[in-house]
Amino acid sequence: GMDKPTLVLNEDNDLLQKWREENSENIITYTYGIENNALAQAKDIKLNEENSEFTCILGENKFNVKVPVAGIHFVYNALCSAVIGNLLGLTINEIKRGIETFELTKKRMEIINLKDGITVINDAYNASLESMRASIQNLAGYTRKKIAILGDMFELGEFSENLHREVGKEIVKNNIDTLICSGKNAKFIIEEAKKQGMNKENIHYFENKEEILNFLNSLHLSNTVILWKASNGMKFFELVEKYIKQ
């Protein structure tokens, strides 16, 4: 409905890239990416446990930026915001400062450090295959013991089983130490992780999600990073709140 349709697109997404090529006569597009050439591109990326750093190439400008949240997906988010800031007339310094000082809302990659070297990653606000994959890859970057507590991804229709199985593959691919799941479709994450060769002793499923807390407490953990991730309707954030208040 816009007179001059303008879109900012992820050039590394093959579906969006194809769509852009097919509709190039009707819209104005600005792109960002890491793997493919784009208006905003990230180079020399350094992924740390709780943040990331990269060189941002924005048109003819080049500057270093530090994202205060971990994960490659937030590098993409920073690139997208850089393009939009540029379109709105912000200076490079304003764009850089905006990226480096932004704060996440609660329950989105929220890092909580507890005693005994335990770190909780509360990413329980929402879940899709892409965000699951990104969170698991971020968890894999830690050098301590890694536990992934995963629940259902909602609203996937006929693709639900296959997409949950893809999550199971990601768990094994990223060498996560322990997998804990609860939820109707999360069973497929469990099944696929076993199929991909993960040690069954390190895989746990609970019909009642409240049992997860009892199980965690029985492990007497230390030097461990725990990722909590599921669609918001699973209400894993309630479990996180109980766990950190113990």
C-alpha atoms as a PDB file:
ATOM      1  CA  GLY A   1       0.000   0.000   0.000  1.00  0.00           C
ATOM      2  CA  MET A   2       3.004   2.345   0.118  1.00  0.00           C
ATOM      3  CA  ASP A   3       3.699   4.789  -2.705  1.00  0.00           C
ATOM      4  CA  LYS A   4       7.373   3.844  -2.645  1.00  0.00           C
ATOM      5  CA  PRO A   5       7.628   0.427  -0.994  1.00  0.00           C
ATOM      6  CA  THR A   6      10.920   0.213   0.907  1.00  0.00           C
ATOM      7  CA  LEU A   7      12.171  -2.991   2.489  1.00  0.00           C
ATOM      8  CA  VAL A   8      15.237  -3.870   4.541  1.00  0.00           C
ATOM      9  CA  LEU A   9      16.098  -7.516   3.899  1.00  0.00           C
ATOM     10  CA  ASN A  10      18.523 -10.145   5.182  1.00  0.00           C
ATOM     11  CA  GLU A  11      20.607 -10.939   2.092  1.00  0.00           C
ATOM     12  CA  ASP A  12      21.806 -14.223   3.640  1.00  0.00           C
ATOM     13  CA  ASN A  13      18.272 -15.630   3.682  1.00  0.00           C
ATOM     14  CA  ASP A  14      17.791 -17.514   0.415  1.00  0.00           C
ATOM     15  CA  LEU A  15      13.991 -17.105   0.394  1.00  0.00           C
ATOM     16  CA  LEU A  16      14.178 -13.338   0.926  1.00  0.00           C
ATOM     17  CA  GLN A  17      16.971 -13.046  -1.607  1.00  0.00           C
ATOM     18  CA  LYS A  18      14.885 -14.875  -4.222  1.00  0.00           C
ATOM     19  CA  TRP A  19      11.848 -12.735  -3.425  1.00  0.00           C
ATOM     20  CA  ARG A  20      13.900  -9.543  -3.765  1.00  0.00           C
ATOM     21  CA  GLU A  21      15.186 -10.600  -7.177  1.00  0.00           C
ATOM     22  CA  GLU A  22      11.688 -11.401  -8.390  1.00  0.00           C
ATOM     23  CA  ASN A  23      10.233  -8.081  -7.150  1.00  0.00           C
ATOM     24  CA  SER A  24      13.114  -5.686  -7.809  1.00  0.00           C
ATOM     25  CA  GLU A  25      11.086  -3.553 -10.250  1.00  0.00           C
ATOM     26  CA  ASN A  26       8.340  -2.799  -7.747  1.00  0.00           C
ATOM     27  CA  ILE A  27      10.213  -2.066  -4.524  1.00  0.00           C
ATOM     28  CA  ILE A  28      13.244  -0.292  -3.123  1.00  0.00           C
ATOM     29  CA  THR A  29      15.417  -2.695  -1.134  1.00  0.00           C
ATOM     30  CA  TYR A  30      18.294  -2.214   1.276  1.00  0.00           C
ATOM     31  CA  THR A  31      20.183  -5.283   2.414  1.00  0.00           C
ATOM     32  CA  TYR A  32      22.330  -6.509   5.278  1.00  0.00           C
ATOM     33  CA  GLY A  33      24.250  -9.733   5.751  1.00  0.00           C
ATOM     34  CA  ILE A  34      27.395 -11.581   6.701  1.00  0.00           C
ATOM     35  CA  GLU A  35      27.942 -14.186   4.008  1.00  0.00           C
ATOM     36  CA  ASN A  36      26.719 -12.202   0.988  1.00  0.00           C
ATOM     37  CA  ASN A  37      27.523  -8.710  -0.257  1.00  0.00           C
ATOM     38  CA  ALA A  38      25.075  -6.174   1.172  1.00  0.00           C
ATOM     39  CA  LEU A  39      24.730  -2.500   2.053  1.00  0.00           C
ATOM     40  CA  ALA A  40      25.569  -3.357   5.679  1.00  0.00           C
ATOM     41  CA  GLN A  41      27.955  -6.231   6.223  1.00  0.00           C
ATOM     42  CA  ALA A  42      29.774  -7.683   9.237  1.00  0.00           C
ATOM     43  CA  LYS A  43      33.442  -8.646   8.991  1.00  0.00           C
ATOM     44  CA  ASP A  44      35.973  -9.971  11.515  1.00  0.00           C
ATOM     45  CA  ILE A  45      33.239 -11.225  13.842  1.00  0.00           C
ATOM     46  CA  LYS A  46      34.266 -12.249  17.341  1.00  0.00           C
ATOM     47  CA  LEU A  47      31.597 -14.107  19.295  1.00  0.00           C
ATOM     48  CA  ASN A  48      32.111 -13.959  23.059  1.00  0.00           C
ATOM     49  CA  GLU A  49      30.130 -15.638  25.844  1.00  0.00           C
ATOM     50  CA  GLU A  50      28.061 -12.556  26.681  1.00  0.00           C
ATOM     51  CA  ASN A  51      28.620 -10.175  23.742  1.00  0.00           C
ATOM     52  CA  SER A  52      30.029  -9.949  20.239  1.00  0.00           C
ATOM     53  CA  GLU A  53      32.311  -7.632  18.284  1.00  0.00           C
ATOM     54  CA  PHE A  54      32.620  -7.000  14.568  1.00  0.00           C
ATOM     55  CA  THR A  55      33.615  -4.518  11.906  1.00  0.00           C
ATOM     56  CA  CYS A  56      30.551  -2.984  10.287  1.00  0.00           C
ATOM     57  CA  ILE A  57      30.804  -1.937   6.670  1.00  0.00           C
ATOM     58  CA  LEU A  58      27.901   0.386   5.931  1.00  0.00           C
ATOM     59  CA  GLY A  59      28.079   1.713   2.400  1.00  0.00           C
ATOM     60  CA  GLU A  60      31.360   3.643   2.250  1.00  0.00           C
ATOM     61  CA  ASN A  61      31.682   3.737   6.056  1.00  0.00           C
ATOM     62  CA  LYS A  62      33.613   1.254   8.174  1.00  0.00           C
ATOM     63  CA  PHE A  63      33.564   1.122  11.973  1.00  0.00           C
ATOM     64  CA  ASN A  64      34.015  -1.309  14.850  1.00  0.00           C
ATOM     65  CA  VAL A  65      31.038  -2.086  17.055  1.00  0.00           C
ATOM     66  CA  LYS A  66      30.363  -4.169  20.156  1.00  0.00           C
ATOM     67  CA  VAL A  67      26.953  -5.771  20.634  1.00  0.00           C
ATOM     68  CA  PRO A  68      26.131  -6.166  24.355  1.00  0.00           C
ATOM     69  CA  VAL A  69      24.271  -9.448  23.784  1.00  0.00           C
ATOM     70  CA  ALA A  70      25.736 -12.776  22.675  1.00  0.00           C
ATOM     71  CA  GLY A  71      24.855 -14.725  19.549  1.00  0.00           C
ATOM     72  CA  ILE A  72      25.324 -14.434  15.805  1.00  0.00           C
ATOM     73  CA  HIS A  73      21.619 -13.583  15.443  1.00  0.00           C
ATOM     74  CA  PHE A  74      22.227 -10.339  17.320  1.00  0.00           C
ATOM     75  CA  VAL A  75      24.980  -9.461  14.862  1.00  0.00           C
ATOM     76  CA  TYR A  76      22.300  -9.700  12.179  1.00  0.00           C
ATOM     77  CA  ASN A  77      19.959  -7.580  14.301  1.00  0.00           C
ATOM     78  CA  ALA A  78      22.673  -4.956  14.717  1.00  0.00           C
ATOM     79  CA  LEU A  79      23.275  -4.867  10.969  1.00  0.00           C
ATOM     80  CA  CYS A  80      19.567  -4.429  10.316  1.00  0.00           C
ATOM     81  CA  SER A  81      19.368  -1.568  12.801  1.00  0.00           C
ATOM     82  CA  ALA A  82      22.419   0.051  11.193  1.00  0.00           C
ATOM     83  CA  VAL A  83      20.669   0.091   7.817  1.00  0.00           C
ATOM     84  CA  ILE A  84      17.487   1.548   9.284  1.00  0.00           C
ATOM     85  CA  GLY A  85      19.427   4.149  11.271  1.00  0.00           C
ATOM     86  CA  ASN A  86      21.229   5.152   8.093  1.00  0.00           C
ATOM     87  CA  LEU A  87      17.942   5.492   6.210  1.00  0.00           C
ATOM     88  CA  LEU A  88      16.594   7.713   8.995  1.00  0.00           C
ATOM     89  CA  GLY A  89      19.604  10.019   8.768  1.00  0.00           C
ATOM     90  CA  LEU A  90      21.505   9.019  11.894  1.00  0.00           C
ATOM     91  CA  THR A  91      25.265   9.577  11.975  1.00  0.00           C
ATOM     92  CA  ILE A  92      27.698   6.675  12.230  1.00  0.00           C
ATOM     93  CA  ASN A  93      28.436   7.630  15.844  1.00  0.00           C
ATOM     94  CA  GLU A  94      24.718   7.629  16.670  1.00  0.00           C
ATOM     95  CA  ILE A  95      24.276   4.209  15.051  1.00  0.00           C
ATOM     96  CA  LYS A  96      27.302   2.806  16.875  1.00  0.00           C
ATOM     97  CA  ARG A  97      26.164   4.233  20.231  1.00  0.00           C
ATOM     98  CA  GLY A  98      22.629   2.902  19.744  1.00  0.00           C
ATOM     99  CA  ILE A  99      23.877  -0.635  19.099  1.00  0.00           C
ATOM    100  CA  GLU A 100      26.369  -0.611  21.956  1.00  0.00           C
ATOM    101  CA  THR A 101      23.935   0.687  24.578  1.00  0.00           C
ATOM    102  CA  PHE A 102      20.746  -1.186  23.762  1.00  0.00           C
ATOM    103  CA  GLU A 103      19.158  -3.451  26.381  1.00  0.00           C
ATOM    104  CA  LEU A 104      17.083  -6.552  25.806  1.00  0.00           C
ATOM    105  CA  THR A 105      13.616  -6.974  27.194  1.00  0.00           C
ATOM    106  CA  LYS A 106      13.267  -9.607  29.888  1.00  0.00           C
ATOM    107  CA  LYS A 107      13.191 -13.291  28.897  1.00  0.00           C
ATOM    108  CA  ARG A 108      15.087 -12.713  25.630  1.00  0.00           C
ATOM    109  CA  MET A 109      18.671 -14.009  25.942  1.00  0.00           C
ATOM    110  CA  GLU A 110      18.699 -12.690  29.495  1.00  0.00           C
ATOM    111  CA  ILE A 111      21.957 -13.698  31.201  1.00  0.00           C
ATOM    112  CA  ILE A 112      21.725 -14.433  34.941  1.00  0.00           C
ATOM    113  CA  ASN A 113      24.880 -15.397  36.836  1.00  0.00           C
ATOM    114  CA  LEU A 114      24.305 -17.455  39.981  1.00  0.00           C
ATOM    115  CA  LYS A 115      26.610 -18.916  42.630  1.00  0.00           C
ATOM    116  CA  ASP A 116      28.933 -21.882  42.012  1.00  0.00           C
ATOM    117  CA  GLY A 117      29.695 -20.793  38.450  1.00  0.00           C
ATOM    118  CA  ILE A 118      26.141 -21.373  37.201  1.00  0.00           C
ATOM    119  CA  THR A 119      24.873 -19.148  34.387  1.00  0.00           C
ATOM    120  CA  VAL A 120      21.227 -19.133  33.319  1.00  0.00           C
ATOM    121  CA  ILE A 121      20.272 -18.022  29.816  1.00  0.00           C
ATOM    122  CA  ASN A 122      16.597 -17.098  29.981  1.00  0.00           C
ATOM    123  CA  ASP A 123      15.384 -17.097  26.370  1.00  0.00           C
ATOM    124  CA  ALA A 124      11.908 -18.348  27.210  1.00  0.00           C
ATOM    125  CA  TYR A 125       9.866 -15.579  25.606  1.00  0.00           C
ATOM    126  CA  ASN A 126       9.497 -17.102  22.163  1.00  0.00           C
ATOM    127  CA  ALA A 127      10.857 -19.831  19.909  1.00  0.00           C
ATOM    128  CA  SER A 128      11.192 -20.716  16.241  1.00  0.00           C
ATOM    129  CA  LEU A 129      13.661 -23.017  14.501  1.00  0.00           C
ATOM    130  CA  GLU A 130      15.940 -20.096  13.627  1.00  0.00           C
ATOM    131  CA  SER A 131      15.976 -18.692  17.161  1.00  0.00           C
ATOM    132  CA  MET A 132      16.391 -22.186  18.646  1.00  0.00           C
ATOM    133  CA  ARG A 133      19.367 -22.795  16.374  1.00  0.00           C
ATOM    134  CA  ALA A 134      20.923 -19.435  17.271  1.00  0.00           C
ATOM    135  CA  SER A 135      20.460 -19.977  21.015  1.00  0.00           C
ATOM    136  CA  ILE A 136      21.930 -23.482  20.874  1.00  0.00           C
ATOM    137  CA  GLN A 137      24.928 -22.225  18.892  1.00  0.00           C
ATOM    138  CA  ASN A 138      25.426 -19.498  21.467  1.00  0.00           C
ATOM    139  CA  LEU A 139      25.258 -22.065  24.287  1.00  0.00           C
ATOM    140  CA  ALA A 140      27.858 -24.159  22.452  1.00  0.00           C
ATOM    141  CA  GLY A 141      30.313 -21.265  22.701  1.00  0.00           C
ATOM    142  CA  TYR A 142      30.648 -21.628  26.472  1.00  0.00           C
ATOM    143  CA  THR A 143      33.543 -23.688  27.838  1.00  0.00           C
ATOM    144  CA  ARG A 144      31.629 -24.912  30.888  1.00  0.00           C
ATOM    145  CA  LYS A 145      29.164 -27.809  31.027  1.00  0.00           C
ATOM    146  CA  LYS A 146      26.175 -27.029  28.814  1.00  0.00           C
ATOM    147  CA  ILE A 147      22.531 -27.927  29.517  1.00  0.00           C
ATOM    148  CA  ALA A 148      19.686 -27.122  27.109  1.00  0.00           C
ATOM    149  CA  ILE A 149      16.174 -27.131  28.568  1.00  0.00           C
ATOM    150  CA  LEU A 150      13.796 -26.934  25.625  1.00  0.00           C
ATOM    151  CA  GLY A 151      10.040 -26.932  25.156  1.00  0.00           C
ATOM    152  CA  ASP A 152       7.535 -26.776  22.311  1.00  0.00           C
ATOM    153  CA  MET A 153       7.672 -24.299  19.462  1.00  0.00           C
ATOM    154  CA  PHE A 154       4.071 -23.321  18.757  1.00  0.00           C
ATOM    155  CA  GLU A 155       2.127 -22.413  15.609  1.00  0.00           C
ATOM    156  CA  LEU A 156       4.125 -24.574  13.173  1.00  0.00           C
ATOM    157  CA  GLY A 157       1.195 -26.574  11.802  1.00  0.00           C
ATOM    158  CA  GLU A 158       2.101 -29.508   9.571  1.00  0.00           C
ATOM    159  CA  PHE A 159       5.811 -28.636   9.802  1.00  0.00           C
ATOM    160  CA  SER A 160       5.933 -29.047  13.571  1.00  0.00           C
ATOM    161  CA  GLU A 161       7.442 -32.546  13.809  1.00  0.00           C
ATOM    162  CA  ASN A 162      10.161 -31.932  11.226  1.00  0.00           C
ATOM    163  CA  LEU A 163      11.163 -28.583  12.710  1.00  0.00           C
ATOM    164  CA  HIS A 164      11.382 -30.003  16.218  1.00  0.00           C
ATOM    165  CA  ARG A 165      13.537 -32.812  14.840  1.00  0.00           C
ATOM    166  CA  GLU A 166      15.836 -30.189  13.329  1.00  0.00           C
ATOM    167  CA  VAL A 167      16.326 -28.804  16.836  1.00  0.00           C
ATOM    168  CA  GLY A 168      17.383 -32.269  17.995  1.00  0.00           C
ATOM    169  CA  LYS A 169      19.972 -32.359  15.226  1.00  0.00           C
ATOM    170  CA  GLU A 170      21.307 -28.966  16.351  1.00  0.00           C
ATOM    171  CA  ILE A 171      21.741 -30.233  19.903  1.00  0.00           C
ATOM    172  CA  VAL A 172      23.958 -33.095  18.742  1.00  0.00           C
ATOM    173  CA  LYS A 173      25.757 -31.012  16.119  1.00  0.00           C
ATOM    174  CA  ASN A 174      26.758 -28.460  18.771  1.00  0.00           C
ATOM    175  CA  ASN A 175      27.883 -31.044  21.350  1.00  0.00           C
ATOM    176  CA  ILE A 176      25.497 -29.968  24.100  1.00  0.00           C
ATOM    177  CA  ASP A 177      26.204 -32.045  27.202  1.00  0.00           C
ATOM    178  CA  THR A 178      22.678 -32.528  28.551  1.00  0.00           C
ATOM    179  CA  LEU A 179      19.269 -32.198  26.883  1.00  0.00           C
ATOM    180  CA  ILE A 180      16.114 -31.763  28.957  1.00  0.00           C
ATOM    181  CA  CYS A 181      12.700 -31.398  27.311  1.00  0.00           C
ATOM    182  CA  SER A 182       9.039 -31.030  28.170  1.00  0.00           C
ATOM    183  CA  GLY A 183       6.111 -30.575  25.828  1.00  0.00           C
ATOM    184  CA  LYS A 184       4.052 -32.538  23.329  1.00  0.00           C
ATOM    185  CA  ASN A 185       6.186 -31.763  20.300  1.00  0.00           C
ATOM    186  CA  ALA A 186       9.446 -31.498  22.222  1.00  0.00           C
ATOM    187  CA  LYS A 187       9.346 -35.300  22.234  1.00  0.00           C
ATOM    188  CA  PHE A 188      10.529 -35.110  18.631  1.00  0.00           C
ATOM    189  CA  ILE A 189      13.603 -33.147  19.772  1.00  0.00           C
ATOM    190  CA  ILE A 190      14.349 -36.020  22.156  1.00  0.00           C
ATOM    191  CA  GLU A 191      13.761 -38.704  19.516  1.00  0.00           C
ATOM    192  CA  GLU A 192      16.004 -37.027  16.966  1.00  0.00           C
ATOM    193  CA  ALA A 193      18.824 -36.387  19.445  1.00  0.00           C
ATOM    194  CA  LYS A 194      18.824 -40.111  20.274  1.00  0.00           C
ATOM    195  CA  LYS A 195      18.706 -40.963  16.570  1.00  0.00           C
ATOM    196  CA  GLN A 196      21.709 -38.721  15.921  1.00  0.00           C
ATOM    197  CA  GLY A 197      23.737 -40.628  18.505  1.00  0.00           C
ATOM    198  CA  MET A 198      23.539 -38.544  21.676  1.00  0.00           C
ATOM    199  CA  ASN A 199      24.141 -40.589  24.818  1.00  0.00           C
ATOM    200  CA  LYS A 200      20.730 -41.565  26.169  1.00  0.00           C
ATOM    201  CA  GLU A 201      21.951 -41.041  29.727  1.00  0.00           C
ATOM    202  CA  ASN A 202      22.260 -37.344  28.932  1.00  0.00           C
ATOM    203  CA  ILE A 203      18.729 -37.023  27.515  1.00  0.00           C
ATOM    204  CA  HIS A 204      15.739 -36.443  29.790  1.00  0.00           C
ATOM    205  CA  TYR A 205      12.035 -35.907  29.122  1.00  0.00           C
ATOM    206  CA  PHE A 206       9.401 -34.800  31.639  1.00  0.00           C
ATOM    207  CA  GLU A 207       5.661 -34.858  31.023  1.00  0.00           C
ATOM    208  CA  ASN A 208       5.232 -32.391  33.884  1.00  0.00           C
ATOM    209  CA  LYS A 209       7.572 -29.445  33.348  1.00  0.00           C
ATOM    210  CA  GLU A 210       7.656 -28.744  37.093  1.00  0.00           C
ATOM    211  CA  GLU A 211       9.692 -31.932  37.493  1.00  0.00           C
ATOM    212  CA  ILE A 212      12.564 -30.237  35.657  1.00  0.00           C
ATOM    213  CA  LEU A 213      13.370 -28.186  38.751  1.00  0.00           C
ATOM    214  CA  ASN A 214      13.547 -31.251  40.980  1.00  0.00           C
ATOM    215  CA  PHE A 215      15.817 -32.956  38.484  1.00  0.00           C
ATOM    216  CA  LEU A 216      18.150 -29.955  38.215  1.00  0.00           C
ATOM    217  CA  ASN A 217      18.440 -29.755  41.985  1.00  0.00           C
ATOM    218  CA  SER A 218      19.313 -33.433  42.159  1.00  0.00           C
ATOM    219  CA  LEU A 219      22.339 -32.830  39.926  1.00  0.00           C
ATOM    220  CA  HIS A 220      24.080 -30.482  42.400  1.00  0.00           C
ATOM    221  CA  LEU A 221      25.430 -28.384  39.530  1.00  0.00           C
ATOM    222  CA  SER A 222      28.474 -26.130  39.382  1.00  0.00           C
ATOM    223  CA  ASN A 223      30.370 -24.498  36.493  1.00  0.00           C
ATOM    224  CA  THR A 224      27.374 -25.009  34.232  1.00  0.00           C
ATOM    225  CA  VAL A 225      25.469 -22.925  31.687  1.00  0.00           C
ATOM    226  CA  ILE A 226      21.731 -23.624  31.420  1.00  0.00           C
ATOM    227  CA  LEU A 227      19.684 -22.482  28.423  1.00  0.00           C
ATOM    228  CA  TRP A 228      15.900 -22.266  28.851  1.00  0.00           C
ATOM    229  CA  LYS A 229      14.042 -21.901  25.552  1.00  0.00           C
ATOM    230  CA  ALA A 230      10.475 -22.518  24.363  1.00  0.00           C
ATOM    231  CA  SER A 231       7.491 -20.656  23.012  1.00  0.00           C
ATOM    232  CA  ASN A 232       5.991 -18.244  25.526  1.00  0.00           C
ATOM    233  CA  GLY A 233       2.911 -20.421  26.005  1.00  0.00           C
ATOM    234  CA  MET A 234       5.067 -23.103  27.634  1.00  0.00           C
ATOM    235  CA  LYS A 235       5.686 -20.598  30.462  1.00  0.00           C
ATOM    236  CA  PHE A 236       9.240 -21.760  31.017  1.00  0.00           C
ATOM    237  CA  PHE A 237       9.953 -18.267  32.344  1.00  0.00           C
ATOM    238  CA  GLU A 238       8.031 -19.276  35.491  1.00  0.00           C
ATOM    239  CA  LEU A 239      10.435 -22.174  35.995  1.00  0.00           C
ATOM    240  CA  VAL A 240      13.418 -19.873  35.477  1.00  0.00           C
ATOM    241  CA  GLU A 241      12.118 -17.474  38.121  1.00  0.00           C
ATOM    242  CA  LYS A 242      11.663 -20.329  40.594  1.00  0.00           C
ATOM    243  CA  TYR A 243      15.086 -21.726  39.841  1.00  0.00           C
ATOM    244  CA  ILE A 244      17.023 -18.509  40.351  1.00  0.00           C
ATOM    245  CA  LYS A 245      15.147 -17.714  43.609  1.00  0.00           C
ATOM    246  CA  GLN A 246      16.031 -21.023  45.238  1.00  0.00           C
END
